Every structure is written in structure tokens, then in C-alpha cells.
Amino acid sequence: MAQRRLFLGLPAAAALGLPAFHLRAQAWPVRPVRVVVPFPPGGTTDFIARLVSTRLGAVLGQNFVIENRAGAGGTVGSDHVAKSAADGYSLVVSNVAAHGVGPSIYKSMPYDSVRDFSHIALMAEIPSVLVVRVESPIRSLAEFIAAAKARPGQMTVGSPGNGTSSHTKQELLKRSAGIDTVHVPYRGSGPMMTDLAGGQVDAIITTLVEAGRNPRYRLLAVTAGDRVPGWLDLPTFRELGHPDLVASTWFGLSGPAGMPSALVEKLNAEVLAALAHPEVVPRLIETGSTPRRMSAAEYSAFVASEVQRWAAVVKAANIRL
């Protein structure tokens, strides 16, 4: 009788021999989900996280709560999630800085970008731009390079932090153009943008969405391979003679290693659906993001390939913190 009661209490999926987590994955989430943004509020990472999380919350019926944990080029927040429970309630916005460039920049990384995460889905790839304030006498990339050569070791170029992709692209530009500029790291994009508008820094490299059509800034060149739809007046570094400056800043969703595969696949499907939603698509286009649909396995392989790619770039450019 006891065995009969036990059998009748089992979910149908278990009786059919399906994984025990199957039905639990169907029920997830039963409480709010925390999404860690490893940078301060107001930046591109924060924007992408809120854009996608809002849709996920609406569809799945639970709040996806954004938690900003900044520091060390995104590695502080990423490490926090890597060491969290792999139950789907702690996620992180994985990104090129913390998961692609970081392993080659920092001598001691607290995690492995591939092995210590369950990589779920790519959310956006956004090109970067070289920006000056609108009052600057510099009106083109050629003029920026000429000014830097006239003042070696004096012109300042800001980035959202040490080890970020913006920092790496600045070093690539220095090598490609033969200039000597001073890197100024900030704790995120917000204070960097404020200082540029106020004239405390000569230029910045940031994502296209950060600078946007803001009348306070002048965009000089973009790191996309081709001119960006909606920004056809903005030349690429490649067409201006700097092919090494073709790179995107990418953002994805990841959780701790060991998340059940059923949950990873469910989240992947929901993220891809969110990215295709009519309210989300135009906002991604405004950022210059290139749409790429990846399975969880494809995104994990993409992260691994980015670690290798940036390791080669960092070594060739002799980039050091």
C-alpha cells in the first residue's frame, strides 16, 4: 500500500521516466529572479538587462530584479553569480569585458569564463564609437589622430573601466594610429559620459547606444565592419584605414555552472522570444545591435571563442593594466 501511495504521488513525468527536474523547470520561476548587472546603473549593460528582463518578467509572471554589482571590469558581479546556487534564481549579464577580455587582462581571475557558468543566450552585439564633446575642435578621426600626435602623452581617453572592451579598443587604436594617449578608467559609463560633456576628458570610447544622438557629443568613427543602418553618416574605423578596430561589445545572459539543462533551454527560448518582441526589436535597432539568434550551446562556444580571440589581441598589443 505504501508503495502504491508513493507511486500515485509521483508526477506523471517521473512515472514516464523523464528527468525529475522536468516538471520543476515547467514551474520555474516561483519567486523573483535576480539578474546581476556587473556595472553601475545607467550604462549599456544595464539598459540591455532591463529591456530583456522586463519582457521575461511579463511572460513568466515573476519579477526579474536588476541588481547592480560593479567593480573590476565586471568581474566582481560575475564572480558573485558564479558562486551562487545554480537554481535559475541568480543570473548575470555576461559580457565581453568580464567574460571575453578579462581572462587576458587580469593576472588572477576569480572564475573561469567558460567552465564556471551556464551560458544561456546572446542578447545583443553593439559596436563602439570614438566620441568627443561637441565643443571640441576635433571633427574627424584624422583630426583626432593629428591632435594626439601633436600632444603625445597628453590627450586623455576615457573608458568604463580597466579591462573593459573600450579600454582594449583604445589600446588597439593607439597601436594602429601610432599615437600615445592616456587611458582614464571610470567606474561605469555614467560618470564617464558626464566628464566628457564637462571637458574633464578629451575623448571616450563607448558603445553606440551610450553616445546616441545626444547633441552634447560628436561621434568620429564606429567599430562595426560596415556602416550601421540608421547611422550611415558615421564612418567605420575600417574604411578609415584601421581594420583592427572591428569589434562589437556583446551582452548575454548566464547563470552559475551546473544549472539543469531543461532550465537553460527554457530560458534560452524565452530570451530569444523576448528579443523578437515588437516592443524590443526597434529599441535594439536603435542601439546598432546586430541580431544573432544562438542556442545555449552556441552561445557557450561563442564565449569560449571570444576568450581566445581577445587573448591574442591583448598579447599582440601588449595591453597591461
C-alpha atoms as a PDB file:
ATOM      1  CA  MET A   1       0.000   0.000   0.000  1.00  0.00           C
ATOM      2  CA  ALA A   2       2.821   2.374   0.883  1.00  0.00           C
ATOM      3  CA  GLN A   3       4.460   1.724  -2.467  1.00  0.00           C
ATOM      4  CA  ARG A   4       1.139   2.326  -4.235  1.00  0.00           C
ATOM      5  CA  ARG A   5       0.671   5.654  -2.435  1.00  0.00           C
ATOM      6  CA  LEU A   6       4.237   6.631  -3.321  1.00  0.00           C
ATOM      7  CA  PHE A   7       3.644   5.811  -6.977  1.00  0.00           C
ATOM      8  CA  LEU A   8       0.388   7.770  -7.090  1.00  0.00           C
ATOM      9  CA  GLY A   9       2.177  10.753  -5.544  1.00  0.00           C
ATOM     10  CA  LEU A  10       4.801  10.886  -8.249  1.00  0.00           C
ATOM     11  CA  PRO A  11       4.414  13.392 -11.089  1.00  0.00           C
ATOM     12  CA  ALA A  12       3.406  11.846 -14.386  1.00  0.00           C
ATOM     13  CA  ALA A  13       6.736  12.837 -15.869  1.00  0.00           C
ATOM     14  CA  ALA A  14       8.606  10.803 -13.264  1.00  0.00           C
ATOM     15  CA  ALA A  15       6.340   7.829 -13.875  1.00  0.00           C
ATOM     16  CA  LEU A  16       7.273   8.031 -17.542  1.00  0.00           C
ATOM     17  CA  GLY A  17      10.953   8.035 -16.677  1.00  0.00           C
ATOM     18  CA  LEU A  18      11.531  11.716 -17.544  1.00  0.00           C
ATOM     19  CA  PRO A  19      14.138  13.769 -15.611  1.00  0.00           C
ATOM     20  CA  ALA A  20      12.940  14.742 -12.153  1.00  0.00           C
ATOM     21  CA  PHE A  21      13.736  18.376 -12.891  1.00  0.00           C
ATOM     22  CA  HIS A  22      11.441  18.414 -15.934  1.00  0.00           C
ATOM     23  CA  LEU A  23       8.300  19.478 -14.121  1.00  0.00           C
ATOM     24  CA  ARG A  24      10.149  21.770 -11.777  1.00  0.00           C
ATOM     25  CA  ALA A  25      11.562  23.554 -14.845  1.00  0.00           C
ATOM     26  CA  GLN A  26       7.997  23.945 -16.115  1.00  0.00           C
ATOM     27  CA  ALA A  27       7.025  25.599 -12.809  1.00  0.00           C
ATOM     28  CA  TRP A  28      10.072  27.876 -12.639  1.00  0.00           C
ATOM     29  CA  PRO A  29      10.074  30.654 -11.595  1.00  0.00           C
ATOM     30  CA  VAL A  30       8.007  30.549  -8.418  1.00  0.00           C
ATOM     31  CA  ARG A  31       9.710  33.613  -6.901  1.00  0.00           C
ATOM     32  CA  PRO A  32      11.570  36.704  -8.201  1.00  0.00           C
ATOM     33  CA  VAL A  33      14.703  36.130 -10.261  1.00  0.00           C
ATOM     34  CA  ARG A  34      17.789  38.206  -9.587  1.00  0.00           C
ATOM     35  CA  VAL A  35      19.686  39.491 -12.636  1.00  0.00           C
ATOM     36  CA  VAL A  36      23.097  40.888 -11.712  1.00  0.00           C
ATOM     37  CA  VAL A  37      24.416  43.708 -13.880  1.00  0.00           C
ATOM     38  CA  PRO A  38      28.159  43.823 -13.147  1.00  0.00           C
ATOM     39  CA  PHE A  39      28.366  47.565 -13.889  1.00  0.00           C
ATOM     40  CA  PRO A  40      26.748  50.689 -12.384  1.00  0.00           C
ATOM     41  CA  PRO A  41      23.225  51.768 -13.344  1.00  0.00           C
ATOM     42  CA  GLY A  42      22.709  53.810 -16.490  1.00  0.00           C
ATOM     43  CA  GLY A  43      25.133  52.090 -18.866  1.00  0.00           C
ATOM     44  CA  THR A  44      24.579  49.863 -21.877  1.00  0.00           C
ATOM     45  CA  THR A  45      24.760  46.640 -19.843  1.00  0.00           C
ATOM     46  CA  ASP A  46      22.078  47.994 -17.540  1.00  0.00           C
ATOM     47  CA  PHE A  47      19.914  49.068 -20.493  1.00  0.00           C
ATOM     48  CA  ILE A  48      20.056  45.663 -22.203  1.00  0.00           C
ATOM     49  CA  ALA A  49      19.390  43.847 -18.921  1.00  0.00           C
ATOM     50  CA  ARG A  50      16.301  45.918 -18.138  1.00  0.00           C
ATOM     51  CA  LEU A  51      14.986  45.722 -21.696  1.00  0.00           C
ATOM     52  CA  VAL A  52      15.076  41.915 -21.787  1.00  0.00           C
ATOM     53  CA  SER A  53      14.225  41.350 -18.113  1.00  0.00           C
ATOM     54  CA  THR A  54      11.037  43.381 -18.425  1.00  0.00           C
ATOM     55  CA  ARG A  55       9.807  41.061 -21.174  1.00  0.00           C
ATOM     56  CA  LEU A  56      10.868  37.928 -19.294  1.00  0.00           C
ATOM     57  CA  GLY A  57       9.003  39.083 -16.202  1.00  0.00           C
ATOM     58  CA  ALA A  58       5.851  39.846 -18.189  1.00  0.00           C
ATOM     59  CA  VAL A  59       5.821  36.428 -19.842  1.00  0.00           C
ATOM     60  CA  LEU A  60       6.924  34.286 -16.900  1.00  0.00           C
ATOM     61  CA  GLY A  61       4.851  36.011 -14.232  1.00  0.00           C
ATOM     62  CA  GLN A  62       7.659  36.853 -11.811  1.00  0.00           C
ATOM     63  CA  ASN A  63       9.781  39.947 -11.342  1.00  0.00           C
ATOM     64  CA  PHE A  64      13.265  39.833 -12.809  1.00  0.00           C
ATOM     65  CA  VAL A  65      15.014  42.147 -10.358  1.00  0.00           C
ATOM     66  CA  ILE A  66      18.088  44.038 -11.552  1.00  0.00           C
ATOM     67  CA  GLU A  67      20.962  44.176  -9.064  1.00  0.00           C
ATOM     68  CA  ASN A  68      23.962  46.342  -9.950  1.00  0.00           C
ATOM     69  CA  ARG A  69      27.258  44.937  -8.591  1.00  0.00           C
ATOM     70  CA  ALA A  70      30.068  46.923 -10.182  1.00  0.00           C
ATOM     71  CA  GLY A  71      33.830  46.546  -9.929  1.00  0.00           C
ATOM     72  CA  ALA A  72      36.978  45.285 -11.663  1.00  0.00           C
ATOM     73  CA  GLY A  73      35.682  45.466 -15.226  1.00  0.00           C
ATOM     74  CA  GLY A  74      32.559  43.471 -14.431  1.00  0.00           C
ATOM     75  CA  THR A  75      34.333  40.592 -12.691  1.00  0.00           C
ATOM     76  CA  VAL A  76      33.002  41.344  -9.181  1.00  0.00           C
ATOM     77  CA  GLY A  77      29.338  40.864 -10.088  1.00  0.00           C
ATOM     78  CA  SER A  78      30.115  37.977 -12.407  1.00  0.00           C
ATOM     79  CA  ASP A  79      32.057  36.152  -9.701  1.00  0.00           C
ATOM     80  CA  HIS A  80      29.188  36.641  -7.264  1.00  0.00           C
ATOM     81  CA  VAL A  81      26.804  34.818  -9.598  1.00  0.00           C
ATOM     82  CA  ALA A  82      29.356  32.124 -10.443  1.00  0.00           C
ATOM     83  CA  LYS A  83      29.384  31.219  -6.760  1.00  0.00           C
ATOM     84  CA  SER A  84      25.586  31.347  -6.330  1.00  0.00           C
ATOM     85  CA  ALA A  85      23.158  28.430  -6.328  1.00  0.00           C
ATOM     86  CA  ALA A  86      22.557  27.001  -9.812  1.00  0.00           C
ATOM     87  CA  ASP A  87      18.762  27.068  -9.446  1.00  0.00           C
ATOM     88  CA  GLY A  88      17.883  29.738 -12.010  1.00  0.00           C
ATOM     89  CA  TYR A  89      17.253  32.482  -9.465  1.00  0.00           C
ATOM     90  CA  SER A  90      20.669  34.139  -9.798  1.00  0.00           C
ATOM     91  CA  LEU A  91      21.669  35.232 -13.306  1.00  0.00           C
ATOM     92  CA  VAL A  92      24.265  37.653 -14.670  1.00  0.00           C
ATOM     93  CA  VAL A  93      24.611  39.745 -17.792  1.00  0.00           C
ATOM     94  CA  SER A  94      27.720  38.096 -19.235  1.00  0.00           C
ATOM     95  CA  ASN A  95      29.698  40.439 -21.442  1.00  0.00           C
ATOM     96  CA  VAL A  96      32.841  40.954 -23.487  1.00  0.00           C
ATOM     97  CA  ALA A  97      34.646  42.712 -20.622  1.00  0.00           C
ATOM     98  CA  ALA A  98      34.114  40.225 -17.800  1.00  0.00           C
ATOM     99  CA  HIS A  99      33.962  37.056 -19.896  1.00  0.00           C
ATOM    100  CA  GLY A 100      35.973  37.812 -23.041  1.00  0.00           C
ATOM    101  CA  VAL A 101      38.749  40.330 -22.313  1.00  0.00           C
ATOM    102  CA  GLY A 102      39.042  39.867 -18.550  1.00  0.00           C
ATOM    103  CA  PRO A 103      40.837  36.500 -18.545  1.00  0.00           C
ATOM    104  CA  SER A 104      43.707  38.035 -20.520  1.00  0.00           C
ATOM    105  CA  ILE A 105      43.803  41.355 -18.671  1.00  0.00           C
ATOM    106  CA  TYR A 106      43.713  40.285 -15.043  1.00  0.00           C
ATOM    107  CA  LYS A 107      46.567  38.223 -13.638  1.00  0.00           C
ATOM    108  CA  SER A 108      44.270  36.463 -11.186  1.00  0.00           C
ATOM    109  CA  MET A 109      40.688  35.794 -12.285  1.00  0.00           C
ATOM    110  CA  PRO A 110      38.276  34.500  -9.607  1.00  0.00           C
ATOM    111  CA  TYR A 111      36.451  32.324 -12.137  1.00  0.00           C
ATOM    112  CA  ASP A 112      36.785  30.568 -15.471  1.00  0.00           C
ATOM    113  CA  SER A 113      34.693  32.387 -18.084  1.00  0.00           C
ATOM    114  CA  VAL A 114      33.514  29.136 -19.644  1.00  0.00           C
ATOM    115  CA  ARG A 115      33.597  26.357 -17.050  1.00  0.00           C
ATOM    116  CA  ASP A 116      32.114  28.329 -14.138  1.00  0.00           C
ATOM    117  CA  PHE A 117      28.963  29.476 -15.943  1.00  0.00           C
ATOM    118  CA  SER A 118      25.890  28.093 -17.651  1.00  0.00           C
ATOM    119  CA  HIS A 119      25.799  30.368 -20.687  1.00  0.00           C
ATOM    120  CA  ILE A 120      22.177  30.781 -21.748  1.00  0.00           C
ATOM    121  CA  ALA A 121      21.754  33.228 -24.634  1.00  0.00           C
ATOM    122  CA  LEU A 122      23.314  36.131 -26.511  1.00  0.00           C
ATOM    123  CA  MET A 123      21.172  39.256 -26.093  1.00  0.00           C
ATOM    124  CA  ALA A 124      22.941  41.957 -28.118  1.00  0.00           C
ATOM    125  CA  GLU A 125      26.077  42.904 -30.037  1.00  0.00           C
ATOM    126  CA  ILE A 126      26.668  46.646 -30.175  1.00  0.00           C
ATOM    127  CA  PRO A 127      29.542  48.477 -31.917  1.00  0.00           C
ATOM    128  CA  SER A 128      31.651  51.063 -30.122  1.00  0.00           C
ATOM    129  CA  VAL A 129      32.411  54.641 -31.133  1.00  0.00           C
ATOM    130  CA  LEU A 130      35.143  57.200 -30.566  1.00  0.00           C
ATOM    131  CA  VAL A 131      33.453  60.301 -29.155  1.00  0.00           C
ATOM    132  CA  VAL A 132      34.438  63.895 -28.342  1.00  0.00           C
ATOM    133  CA  ARG A 133      32.248  66.620 -26.921  1.00  0.00           C
ATOM    134  CA  VAL A 134      30.505  68.841 -29.415  1.00  0.00           C
ATOM    135  CA  GLU A 135      32.578  71.903 -28.400  1.00  0.00           C
ATOM    136  CA  SER A 136      35.802  70.097 -29.328  1.00  0.00           C
ATOM    137  CA  PRO A 137      37.688  71.456 -32.344  1.00  0.00           C
ATOM    138  CA  ILE A 138      38.205  67.826 -33.437  1.00  0.00           C
ATOM    139  CA  ARG A 139      35.691  66.910 -36.136  1.00  0.00           C
ATOM    140  CA  SER A 140      37.078  63.658 -37.584  1.00  0.00           C
ATOM    141  CA  LEU A 141      39.219  60.628 -36.768  1.00  0.00           C
ATOM    142  CA  ALA A 142      42.062  62.118 -38.827  1.00  0.00           C
ATOM    143  CA  GLU A 143      41.934  65.305 -36.742  1.00  0.00           C
ATOM    144  CA  PHE A 144      41.858  63.278 -33.526  1.00  0.00           C
ATOM    145  CA  ILE A 145      44.978  61.361 -34.558  1.00  0.00           C
ATOM    146  CA  ALA A 146      46.732  64.563 -35.632  1.00  0.00           C
ATOM    147  CA  ALA A 147      45.924  66.216 -32.293  1.00  0.00           C
ATOM    148  CA  ALA A 148      47.177  63.184 -30.373  1.00  0.00           C
ATOM    149  CA  LYS A 149      50.445  63.193 -32.320  1.00  0.00           C
ATOM    150  CA  ALA A 150      50.859  66.896 -31.637  1.00  0.00           C
ATOM    151  CA  ARG A 151      50.421  66.294 -27.893  1.00  0.00           C
ATOM    152  CA  PRO A 152      51.965  62.882 -27.169  1.00  0.00           C
ATOM    153  CA  GLY A 153      51.105  61.524 -23.748  1.00  0.00           C
ATOM    154  CA  GLN A 154      48.675  64.359 -23.001  1.00  0.00           C
ATOM    155  CA  MET A 155      45.319  63.625 -24.608  1.00  0.00           C
ATOM    156  CA  THR A 156      43.009  61.673 -22.319  1.00  0.00           C
ATOM    157  CA  VAL A 157      40.606  58.960 -23.461  1.00  0.00           C
ATOM    158  CA  GLY A 158      38.052  57.547 -21.042  1.00  0.00           C
ATOM    159  CA  SER A 159      36.576  54.053 -20.757  1.00  0.00           C
ATOM    160  CA  PRO A 160      34.001  52.469 -18.389  1.00  0.00           C
ATOM    161  CA  GLY A 161      36.854  50.765 -16.529  1.00  0.00           C
ATOM    162  CA  ASN A 162      40.124  48.865 -16.621  1.00  0.00           C
ATOM    163  CA  GLY A 163      39.875  45.678 -18.624  1.00  0.00           C
ATOM    164  CA  THR A 164      36.704  46.651 -20.453  1.00  0.00           C
ATOM    165  CA  SER A 165      36.427  46.263 -24.214  1.00  0.00           C
ATOM    166  CA  SER A 166      36.521  50.067 -24.513  1.00  0.00           C
ATOM    167  CA  HIS A 167      39.913  50.029 -22.796  1.00  0.00           C
ATOM    168  CA  THR A 168      41.139  47.322 -25.143  1.00  0.00           C
ATOM    169  CA  LYS A 169      39.905  49.198 -28.228  1.00  0.00           C
ATOM    170  CA  GLN A 170      41.711  52.309 -27.061  1.00  0.00           C
ATOM    171  CA  GLU A 171      44.950  50.344 -26.922  1.00  0.00           C
ATOM    172  CA  LEU A 172      44.266  48.945 -30.389  1.00  0.00           C
ATOM    173  CA  LEU A 173      43.715  52.468 -31.715  1.00  0.00           C
ATOM    174  CA  LYS A 174      46.959  53.673 -30.145  1.00  0.00           C
ATOM    175  CA  ARG A 175      48.850  50.886 -31.852  1.00  0.00           C
ATOM    176  CA  SER A 176      47.068  51.221 -35.195  1.00  0.00           C
ATOM    177  CA  ALA A 177      47.393  55.019 -35.383  1.00  0.00           C
ATOM    178  CA  GLY A 178      50.812  55.289 -33.762  1.00  0.00           C
ATOM    179  CA  ILE A 179      49.627  57.654 -31.045  1.00  0.00           C
ATOM    180  CA  ASP A 180      50.209  57.950 -27.297  1.00  0.00           C
ATOM    181  CA  THR A 181      47.053  58.796 -25.349  1.00  0.00           C
ATOM    182  CA  VAL A 182      46.327  58.473 -21.635  1.00  0.00           C
ATOM    183  CA  HIS A 183      43.712  55.935 -20.538  1.00  0.00           C
ATOM    184  CA  VAL A 184      41.267  57.233 -17.921  1.00  0.00           C
ATOM    185  CA  PRO A 185      39.203  54.396 -16.370  1.00  0.00           C
ATOM    186  CA  TYR A 186      35.842  55.139 -14.772  1.00  0.00           C
ATOM    187  CA  ARG A 187      33.514  53.062 -12.622  1.00  0.00           C
ATOM    188  CA  GLY A 188      30.968  52.745 -15.396  1.00  0.00           C
ATOM    189  CA  SER A 189      29.626  54.725 -18.318  1.00  0.00           C
ATOM    190  CA  GLY A 190      27.541  57.283 -16.435  1.00  0.00           C
ATOM    191  CA  PRO A 191      30.373  59.269 -14.802  1.00  0.00           C
ATOM    192  CA  MET A 192      32.472  58.889 -17.963  1.00  0.00           C
ATOM    193  CA  MET A 193      29.785  60.499 -20.124  1.00  0.00           C
ATOM    194  CA  THR A 194      29.340  63.312 -17.595  1.00  0.00           C
ATOM    195  CA  ASP A 195      33.063  64.076 -17.545  1.00  0.00           C
ATOM    196  CA  LEU A 196      33.262  64.100 -21.339  1.00  0.00           C
ATOM    197  CA  ALA A 197      30.409  66.616 -21.579  1.00  0.00           C
ATOM    198  CA  GLY A 198      32.126  68.730 -18.926  1.00  0.00           C
ATOM    199  CA  GLY A 199      35.507  68.686 -20.646  1.00  0.00           C
ATOM    200  CA  GLN A 200      37.332  66.703 -17.927  1.00  0.00           C
ATOM    201  CA  VAL A 201      38.418  64.140 -20.537  1.00  0.00           C
ATOM    202  CA  ASP A 202      39.285  64.759 -24.202  1.00  0.00           C
ATOM    203  CA  ALA A 203      37.523  61.736 -25.715  1.00  0.00           C
ATOM    204  CA  ILE A 204      35.972  58.390 -24.858  1.00  0.00           C
ATOM    205  CA  ILE A 205      35.365  55.047 -26.485  1.00  0.00           C
ATOM    206  CA  THR A 206      31.927  53.722 -25.627  1.00  0.00           C
ATOM    207  CA  THR A 207      29.040  51.832 -27.177  1.00  0.00           C
ATOM    208  CA  LEU A 208      26.993  53.449 -29.908  1.00  0.00           C
ATOM    209  CA  VAL A 209      23.898  53.457 -27.723  1.00  0.00           C
ATOM    210  CA  GLU A 210      25.699  55.390 -24.964  1.00  0.00           C
ATOM    211  CA  ALA A 211      26.529  58.331 -27.216  1.00  0.00           C
ATOM    212  CA  GLY A 212      23.450  58.037 -29.420  1.00  0.00           C
ATOM    213  CA  ARG A 213      22.161  61.231 -30.978  1.00  0.00           C
ATOM    214  CA  ASN A 214      22.945  63.283 -27.886  1.00  0.00           C
ATOM    215  CA  PRO A 215      23.705  66.853 -29.043  1.00  0.00           C
ATOM    216  CA  ARG A 216      26.440  67.155 -26.423  1.00  0.00           C
ATOM    217  CA  TYR A 217      28.660  64.660 -28.249  1.00  0.00           C
ATOM    218  CA  ARG A 218      30.302  64.254 -31.640  1.00  0.00           C
ATOM    219  CA  LEU A 219      30.876  60.724 -32.967  1.00  0.00           C
ATOM    220  CA  LEU A 220      34.034  60.240 -35.042  1.00  0.00           C
ATOM    221  CA  ALA A 221      34.146  56.553 -36.050  1.00  0.00           C
ATOM    222  CA  VAL A 222      32.432  53.233 -35.286  1.00  0.00           C
ATOM    223  CA  THR A 223      33.947  49.775 -34.763  1.00  0.00           C
ATOM    224  CA  ALA A 224      31.350  47.980 -36.922  1.00  0.00           C
ATOM    225  CA  GLY A 225      32.538  46.116 -40.011  1.00  0.00           C
ATOM    226  CA  ASP A 226      30.200  48.165 -42.203  1.00  0.00           C
ATOM    227  CA  ARG A 227      28.252  51.366 -41.721  1.00  0.00           C
ATOM    228  CA  VAL A 228      25.396  50.896 -39.286  1.00  0.00           C
ATOM    229  CA  PRO A 229      21.806  51.220 -40.561  1.00  0.00           C
ATOM    230  CA  GLY A 230      20.378  54.415 -39.122  1.00  0.00           C
ATOM    231  CA  TRP A 231      23.912  55.774 -38.702  1.00  0.00           C
ATOM    232  CA  LEU A 232      25.052  55.820 -42.323  1.00  0.00           C
ATOM    233  CA  ASP A 233      26.717  59.209 -41.847  1.00  0.00           C
ATOM    234  CA  LEU A 234      29.136  57.658 -39.339  1.00  0.00           C
ATOM    235  CA  PRO A 235      32.298  56.180 -40.943  1.00  0.00           C
ATOM    236  CA  THR A 236      33.861  52.936 -39.733  1.00  0.00           C
ATOM    237  CA  PHE A 237      37.402  52.625 -38.432  1.00  0.00           C
ATOM    238  CA  ARG A 238      37.996  50.023 -41.119  1.00  0.00           C
ATOM    239  CA  GLU A 239      37.158  52.326 -44.025  1.00  0.00           C
ATOM    240  CA  LEU A 240      39.367  54.977 -42.450  1.00  0.00           C
ATOM    241  CA  GLY A 241      42.365  52.663 -42.516  1.00  0.00           C
ATOM    242  CA  HIS A 242      42.169  50.855 -39.159  1.00  0.00           C
ATOM    243  CA  PRO A 243      40.913  47.292 -39.789  1.00  0.00           C
ATOM    244  CA  ASP A 244      41.981  46.102 -36.320  1.00  0.00           C
ATOM    245  CA  LEU A 245      39.196  48.240 -34.884  1.00  0.00           C
ATOM    246  CA  VAL A 246      36.386  45.933 -35.989  1.00  0.00           C
ATOM    247  CA  ALA A 247      34.798  44.554 -32.823  1.00  0.00           C
ATOM    248  CA  SER A 248      31.476  44.518 -31.015  1.00  0.00           C
ATOM    249  CA  THR A 249      30.556  44.830 -27.371  1.00  0.00           C
ATOM    250  CA  TRP A 250      28.363  41.837 -26.639  1.00  0.00           C
ATOM    251  CA  PHE A 251      25.939  41.060 -23.846  1.00  0.00           C
ATOM    252  CA  GLY A 252      24.350  37.749 -22.896  1.00  0.00           C
ATOM    253  CA  LEU A 253      22.552  36.026 -20.069  1.00  0.00           C
ATOM    254  CA  SER A 254      24.310  33.412 -17.959  1.00  0.00           C
ATOM    255  CA  GLY A 255      23.946  31.594 -14.669  1.00  0.00           C
ATOM    256  CA  PRO A 256      26.215  29.525 -12.424  1.00  0.00           C
ATOM    257  CA  ALA A 257      27.666  26.304 -13.797  1.00  0.00           C
ATOM    258  CA  GLY A 258      25.503  23.270 -13.189  1.00  0.00           C
ATOM    259  CA  MET A 259      22.104  24.732 -13.999  1.00  0.00           C
ATOM    260  CA  PRO A 260      19.768  21.928 -15.175  1.00  0.00           C
ATOM    261  CA  SER A 261      19.757  21.715 -18.955  1.00  0.00           C
ATOM    262  CA  ALA A 262      15.954  21.869 -19.096  1.00  0.00           C
ATOM    263  CA  LEU A 263      16.005  25.221 -17.322  1.00  0.00           C
ATOM    264  CA  VAL A 264      18.817  26.556 -19.523  1.00  0.00           C
ATOM    265  CA  GLU A 265      16.891  25.602 -22.654  1.00  0.00           C
ATOM    266  CA  LYS A 266      13.686  27.130 -21.318  1.00  0.00           C
ATOM    267  CA  LEU A 267      15.460  30.394 -20.527  1.00  0.00           C
ATOM    268  CA  ASN A 268      17.150  30.404 -23.927  1.00  0.00           C
ATOM    269  CA  ALA A 269      13.780  30.074 -25.656  1.00  0.00           C
ATOM    270  CA  GLU A 270      12.265  32.854 -23.548  1.00  0.00           C
ATOM    271  CA  VAL A 271      15.188  35.229 -24.179  1.00  0.00           C
ATOM    272  CA  LEU A 272      15.010  34.635 -27.942  1.00  0.00           C
ATOM    273  CA  ALA A 273      11.265  35.275 -27.842  1.00  0.00           C
ATOM    274  CA  ALA A 274      11.842  38.496 -25.894  1.00  0.00           C
ATOM    275  CA  LEU A 275      14.416  39.694 -28.427  1.00  0.00           C
ATOM    276  CA  ALA A 276      11.868  39.173 -31.221  1.00  0.00           C
ATOM    277  CA  HIS A 277       9.051  41.019 -29.444  1.00  0.00           C
ATOM    278  CA  PRO A 278       7.685  44.053 -31.364  1.00  0.00           C
ATOM    279  CA  GLU A 279       8.398  46.328 -28.389  1.00  0.00           C
ATOM    280  CA  VAL A 280      12.002  45.177 -28.082  1.00  0.00           C
ATOM    281  CA  VAL A 281      13.149  44.965 -31.724  1.00  0.00           C
ATOM    282  CA  PRO A 282      13.077  48.717 -32.517  1.00  0.00           C
ATOM    283  CA  ARG A 283      14.908  49.549 -29.296  1.00  0.00           C
ATOM    284  CA  LEU A 284      17.676  47.098 -30.175  1.00  0.00           C
ATOM    285  CA  ILE A 285      17.917  48.550 -33.682  1.00  0.00           C
ATOM    286  CA  GLU A 286      18.378  52.000 -32.165  1.00  0.00           C
ATOM    287  CA  THR A 287      21.462  50.722 -30.346  1.00  0.00           C
ATOM    288  CA  GLY A 288      23.030  49.465 -33.589  1.00  0.00           C
ATOM    289  CA  SER A 289      22.790  45.904 -32.313  1.00  0.00           C
ATOM    290  CA  THR A 290      23.234  43.085 -34.803  1.00  0.00           C
ATOM    291  CA  PRO A 291      20.551  40.406 -34.249  1.00  0.00           C
ATOM    292  CA  ARG A 292      22.008  36.920 -33.841  1.00  0.00           C
ATOM    293  CA  ARG A 293      19.938  34.008 -32.558  1.00  0.00           C
ATOM    294  CA  MET A 294      22.071  31.496 -30.662  1.00  0.00           C
ATOM    295  CA  SER A 295      21.221  28.316 -28.821  1.00  0.00           C
ATOM    296  CA  ALA A 296      22.697  27.901 -25.348  1.00  0.00           C
ATOM    297  CA  ALA A 297      25.398  25.626 -26.763  1.00  0.00           C
ATOM    298  CA  GLU A 298      26.229  28.124 -29.490  1.00  0.00           C
ATOM    299  CA  TYR A 299      26.461  30.979 -27.007  1.00  0.00           C
ATOM    300  CA  SER A 300      28.756  28.961 -24.758  1.00  0.00           C
ATOM    301  CA  ALA A 301      31.013  28.208 -27.743  1.00  0.00           C
ATOM    302  CA  PHE A 302      30.908  31.897 -28.695  1.00  0.00           C
ATOM    303  CA  VAL A 303      32.137  32.943 -25.238  1.00  0.00           C
ATOM    304  CA  ALA A 304      34.978  30.413 -25.451  1.00  0.00           C
ATOM    305  CA  SER A 305      35.981  31.740 -28.889  1.00  0.00           C
ATOM    306  CA  GLU A 306      35.965  35.331 -27.583  1.00  0.00           C
ATOM    307  CA  VAL A 307      38.318  34.376 -24.736  1.00  0.00           C
ATOM    308  CA  GLN A 308      40.781  33.043 -27.320  1.00  0.00           C
ATOM    309  CA  ARG A 309      40.317  35.977 -29.678  1.00  0.00           C
ATOM    310  CA  TRP A 310      40.958  38.657 -27.062  1.00  0.00           C
ATOM    311  CA  ALA A 311      43.884  36.743 -25.590  1.00  0.00           C
ATOM    312  CA  ALA A 312      45.594  37.053 -28.974  1.00  0.00           C
ATOM    313  CA  VAL A 313      44.697  40.762 -29.236  1.00  0.00           C
ATOM    314  CA  VAL A 314      45.900  41.575 -25.724  1.00  0.00           C
ATOM    315  CA  LYS A 315      49.184  39.758 -26.290  1.00  0.00           C
ATOM    316  CA  ALA A 316      49.824  41.354 -29.707  1.00  0.00           C
ATOM    317  CA  ALA A 317      49.012  44.846 -28.406  1.00  0.00           C
ATOM    318  CA  ASN A 318      50.905  44.262 -25.133  1.00  0.00           C
ATOM    319  CA  ILE A 319      47.929  45.574 -23.164  1.00  0.00           C
ATOM    320  CA  ARG A 320      48.517  45.771 -19.433  1.00  0.00           C
ATOM    321  CA  LEU A 321      46.576  47.182 -16.510  1.00  0.00           C
END
